[in-house]
Amino acid sequence: MIDDNLDEVRKRLSELRTEHRDLDDVISRVSEGLPFDQLRLQRLKKRKLALKDDITRLENMLIPDIIA
């Protein structure tokens, strides 16, 4: 049961990383176009930061608790 949960976390983590990478491409394309949409760019960057937070949270779930 725990292994199934970890597999789900790993799968979700992979999906979030892919979306995070894809946002890099979208942000680059939006910022290169003239005139670029500042509001859209801000929203994309905000979404990218939220994804990074989710990625970090899931990565921390995969680290086992070690009692010193």
N, C-alpha and C. Protein backbone atom coordinates (compact mmCIF):
# COMPACT_ATOMS: atom_id res chain seq x y z
N MET A 1 0.82 -1.20 0.00
CA MET A 1 0.00 0.00 0.00
C MET A 1 0.87 1.26 0.00
N ILE A 2 1.90 1.27 0.81
CA ILE A 2 2.79 2.43 0.87
C ILE A 2 3.52 2.59 -0.46
N ASP A 3 3.92 1.45 -1.07
CA ASP A 3 4.61 1.50 -2.35
C ASP A 3 3.71 2.09 -3.44
N ASP A 4 2.41 1.76 -3.39
CA ASP A 4 1.46 2.32 -4.36
C ASP A 4 1.38 3.84 -4.22
N ASN A 5 1.36 4.30 -2.97
CA ASN A 5 1.30 5.74 -2.70
C ASN A 5 2.57 6.43 -3.21
N LEU A 6 3.71 5.81 -2.98
CA LEU A 6 4.97 6.39 -3.45
C LEU A 6 5.03 6.41 -4.97
N ASP A 7 4.48 5.38 -5.60
CA ASP A 7 4.44 5.36 -7.07
C ASP A 7 3.56 6.49 -7.59
N GLU A 8 2.44 6.74 -6.92
CA GLU A 8 1.57 7.84 -7.32
C GLU A 8 2.28 9.19 -7.16
N VAL A 9 3.02 9.34 -6.08
CA VAL A 9 3.77 10.59 -5.83
C VAL A 9 4.82 10.77 -6.91
N ARG A 10 5.53 9.70 -7.25
CA ARG A 10 6.55 9.79 -8.29
C ARG A 10 5.94 10.14 -9.66
N LYS A 11 4.78 9.55 -9.95
CA LYS A 11 4.11 9.84 -11.21
C LYS A 11 3.69 11.29 -11.26
N ARG A 12 3.07 11.77 -10.20
CA ARG A 12 2.63 13.17 -10.14
C ARG A 12 3.83 14.12 -10.23
N LEU A 13 4.92 13.74 -9.57
CA LEU A 13 6.14 14.55 -9.60
C LEU A 13 6.66 14.66 -11.03
N SER A 14 6.63 13.56 -11.75
CA SER A 14 7.08 13.57 -13.14
C SER A 14 6.19 14.48 -14.00
N GLU A 15 4.88 14.41 -13.77
CA GLU A 15 3.95 15.26 -14.52
C GLU A 15 4.20 16.74 -14.22
N LEU A 16 4.42 17.07 -12.97
CA LEU A 16 4.66 18.47 -12.60
C LEU A 16 5.97 18.98 -13.18
N ARG A 17 6.99 18.14 -13.18
CA ARG A 17 8.28 18.55 -13.76
C ARG A 17 8.15 18.81 -15.25
N THR A 18 7.37 17.98 -15.93
CA THR A 18 7.14 18.17 -17.36
C THR A 18 6.41 19.49 -17.61
N GLU A 19 5.37 19.74 -16.84
CA GLU A 19 4.62 20.99 -16.99
C GLU A 19 5.51 22.20 -16.70
N HIS A 20 6.37 22.08 -15.68
CA HIS A 20 7.29 23.16 -15.31
C HIS A 20 8.24 23.47 -16.47
N ARG A 21 8.76 22.40 -17.09
CA ARG A 21 9.66 22.56 -18.24
C ARG A 21 8.92 23.19 -19.42
N ASP A 22 7.71 22.73 -19.66
CA ASP A 22 6.91 23.28 -20.76
C ASP A 22 6.63 24.76 -20.56
N LEU A 23 6.41 25.16 -19.33
CA LEU A 23 6.15 26.58 -19.05
C LEU A 23 7.36 27.43 -19.40
N ASP A 24 8.57 26.89 -19.23
CA ASP A 24 9.77 27.61 -19.63
C ASP A 24 9.69 27.99 -21.11
N ASP A 25 9.29 27.03 -21.93
CA ASP A 25 9.18 27.28 -23.37
C ASP A 25 8.12 28.33 -23.67
N VAL A 26 6.98 28.21 -23.02
CA VAL A 26 5.88 29.16 -23.25
C VAL A 26 6.29 30.56 -22.82
N ILE A 27 6.93 30.67 -21.67
CA ILE A 27 7.38 31.98 -21.17
C ILE A 27 8.38 32.60 -22.15
N SER A 28 9.28 31.79 -22.67
CA SER A 28 10.25 32.29 -23.65
C SER A 28 9.57 32.83 -24.90
N ARG A 29 8.59 32.07 -25.40
CA ARG A 29 7.89 32.50 -26.61
C ARG A 29 7.08 33.78 -26.37
N VAL A 30 6.43 33.86 -25.22
CA VAL A 30 5.61 35.04 -24.92
C VAL A 30 6.50 36.28 -24.76
N SER A 31 7.64 36.12 -24.11
CA SER A 31 8.51 37.27 -23.87
C SER A 31 9.26 37.71 -25.13
N GLU A 32 9.40 36.81 -26.11
CA GLU A 32 10.09 37.18 -27.35
C GLU A 32 9.19 37.95 -28.31
N GLY A 33 7.90 37.69 -28.24
CA GLY A 33 6.97 38.36 -29.13
C GLY A 33 6.81 39.82 -28.77
N LEU A 34 6.71 40.65 -29.78
CA LEU A 34 6.53 42.08 -29.54
C LEU A 34 5.21 42.52 -30.12
N PRO A 35 4.42 43.24 -29.45
CA PRO A 35 4.53 43.52 -28.01
C PRO A 35 4.06 42.30 -27.22
N PHE A 36 4.71 42.02 -26.11
CA PHE A 36 4.30 40.86 -25.33
C PHE A 36 3.31 41.26 -24.26
N ASP A 37 2.50 40.29 -23.89
CA ASP A 37 1.42 40.50 -22.94
C ASP A 37 1.97 40.36 -21.52
N GLN A 38 2.16 41.47 -20.85
CA GLN A 38 2.75 41.48 -19.51
C GLN A 38 1.91 40.70 -18.51
N LEU A 39 0.60 40.85 -18.59
CA LEU A 39 -0.29 40.16 -17.65
C LEU A 39 -0.20 38.64 -17.84
N ARG A 40 -0.19 38.20 -19.08
CA ARG A 40 -0.06 36.76 -19.36
C ARG A 40 1.27 36.24 -18.87
N LEU A 41 2.31 37.00 -19.08
CA LEU A 41 3.65 36.61 -18.64
C LEU A 41 3.69 36.47 -17.12
N GLN A 42 3.09 37.41 -16.41
CA GLN A 42 3.05 37.34 -14.95
C GLN A 42 2.29 36.10 -14.48
N ARG A 43 1.17 35.80 -15.14
CA ARG A 43 0.38 34.62 -14.75
C ARG A 43 1.15 33.33 -14.99
N LEU A 44 1.87 33.27 -16.10
CA LEU A 44 2.66 32.08 -16.40
C LEU A 44 3.78 31.90 -15.37
N LYS A 45 4.42 32.98 -15.02
CA LYS A 45 5.50 32.90 -14.03
C LYS A 45 4.96 32.51 -12.66
N LYS A 46 3.79 33.03 -12.32
CA LYS A 46 3.16 32.67 -11.04
C LYS A 46 2.81 31.18 -11.02
N ARG A 47 2.29 30.68 -12.13
CA ARG A 47 1.97 29.25 -12.24
C ARG A 47 3.23 28.41 -12.12
N LYS A 48 4.32 28.89 -12.73
CA LYS A 48 5.59 28.16 -12.67
C LYS A 48 6.11 28.09 -11.24
N LEU A 49 5.98 29.18 -10.49
CA LEU A 49 6.40 29.18 -9.09
C LEU A 49 5.54 28.23 -8.25
N ALA A 50 4.24 28.20 -8.52
CA ALA A 50 3.35 27.30 -7.80
C ALA A 50 3.73 25.84 -8.09
N LEU A 51 4.07 25.56 -9.34
CA LEU A 51 4.50 24.21 -9.69
C LEU A 51 5.78 23.85 -8.95
N LYS A 52 6.70 24.78 -8.87
CA LYS A 52 7.96 24.52 -8.17
C LYS A 52 7.70 24.21 -6.70
N ASP A 53 6.77 24.93 -6.08
CA ASP A 53 6.41 24.65 -4.69
C ASP A 53 5.82 23.25 -4.55
N ASP A 54 4.94 22.86 -5.48
CA ASP A 54 4.36 21.53 -5.45
C ASP A 54 5.42 20.45 -5.66
N ILE A 55 6.35 20.71 -6.56
CA ILE A 55 7.45 19.76 -6.82
C ILE A 55 8.27 19.56 -5.55
N THR A 56 8.61 20.65 -4.90
CA THR A 56 9.41 20.58 -3.66
C THR A 56 8.67 19.80 -2.59
N ARG A 57 7.37 20.06 -2.46
CA ARG A 57 6.55 19.37 -1.45
C ARG A 57 6.54 17.86 -1.71
N LEU A 58 6.36 17.47 -2.97
CA LEU A 58 6.34 16.04 -3.30
C LEU A 58 7.71 15.40 -3.14
N GLU A 59 8.77 16.12 -3.50
CA GLU A 59 10.12 15.59 -3.30
C GLU A 59 10.38 15.33 -1.83
N ASN A 60 9.90 16.22 -0.98
CA ASN A 60 10.08 16.03 0.47
C ASN A 60 9.30 14.82 0.98
N MET A 61 8.19 14.50 0.34
CA MET A 61 7.42 13.32 0.73
C MET A 61 8.18 12.03 0.43
N LEU A 62 9.06 12.08 -0.56
CA LEU A 62 9.81 10.89 -0.95
C LEU A 62 11.05 10.67 -0.09
N ILE A 63 11.44 11.67 0.67
CA ILE A 63 12.61 11.55 1.54
C ILE A 63 12.17 10.89 2.83
N PRO A 64 12.78 9.75 3.18
CA PRO A 64 12.37 9.09 4.42
C PRO A 64 12.76 9.88 5.66
N ASP A 65 11.90 9.79 6.67
CA ASP A 65 12.20 10.44 7.94
C ASP A 65 13.28 9.64 8.65
N ILE A 66 14.34 10.32 9.04
CA ILE A 66 15.44 9.67 9.75
C ILE A 66 15.54 10.29 11.14
N ILE A 67 15.40 9.45 12.11
CA ILE A 67 15.51 9.93 13.50
C ILE A 67 16.96 9.78 13.93
N ALA A 68 17.56 10.89 14.30
CA ALA A 68 18.99 10.87 14.66
C ALA A 68 19.18 10.40 16.08
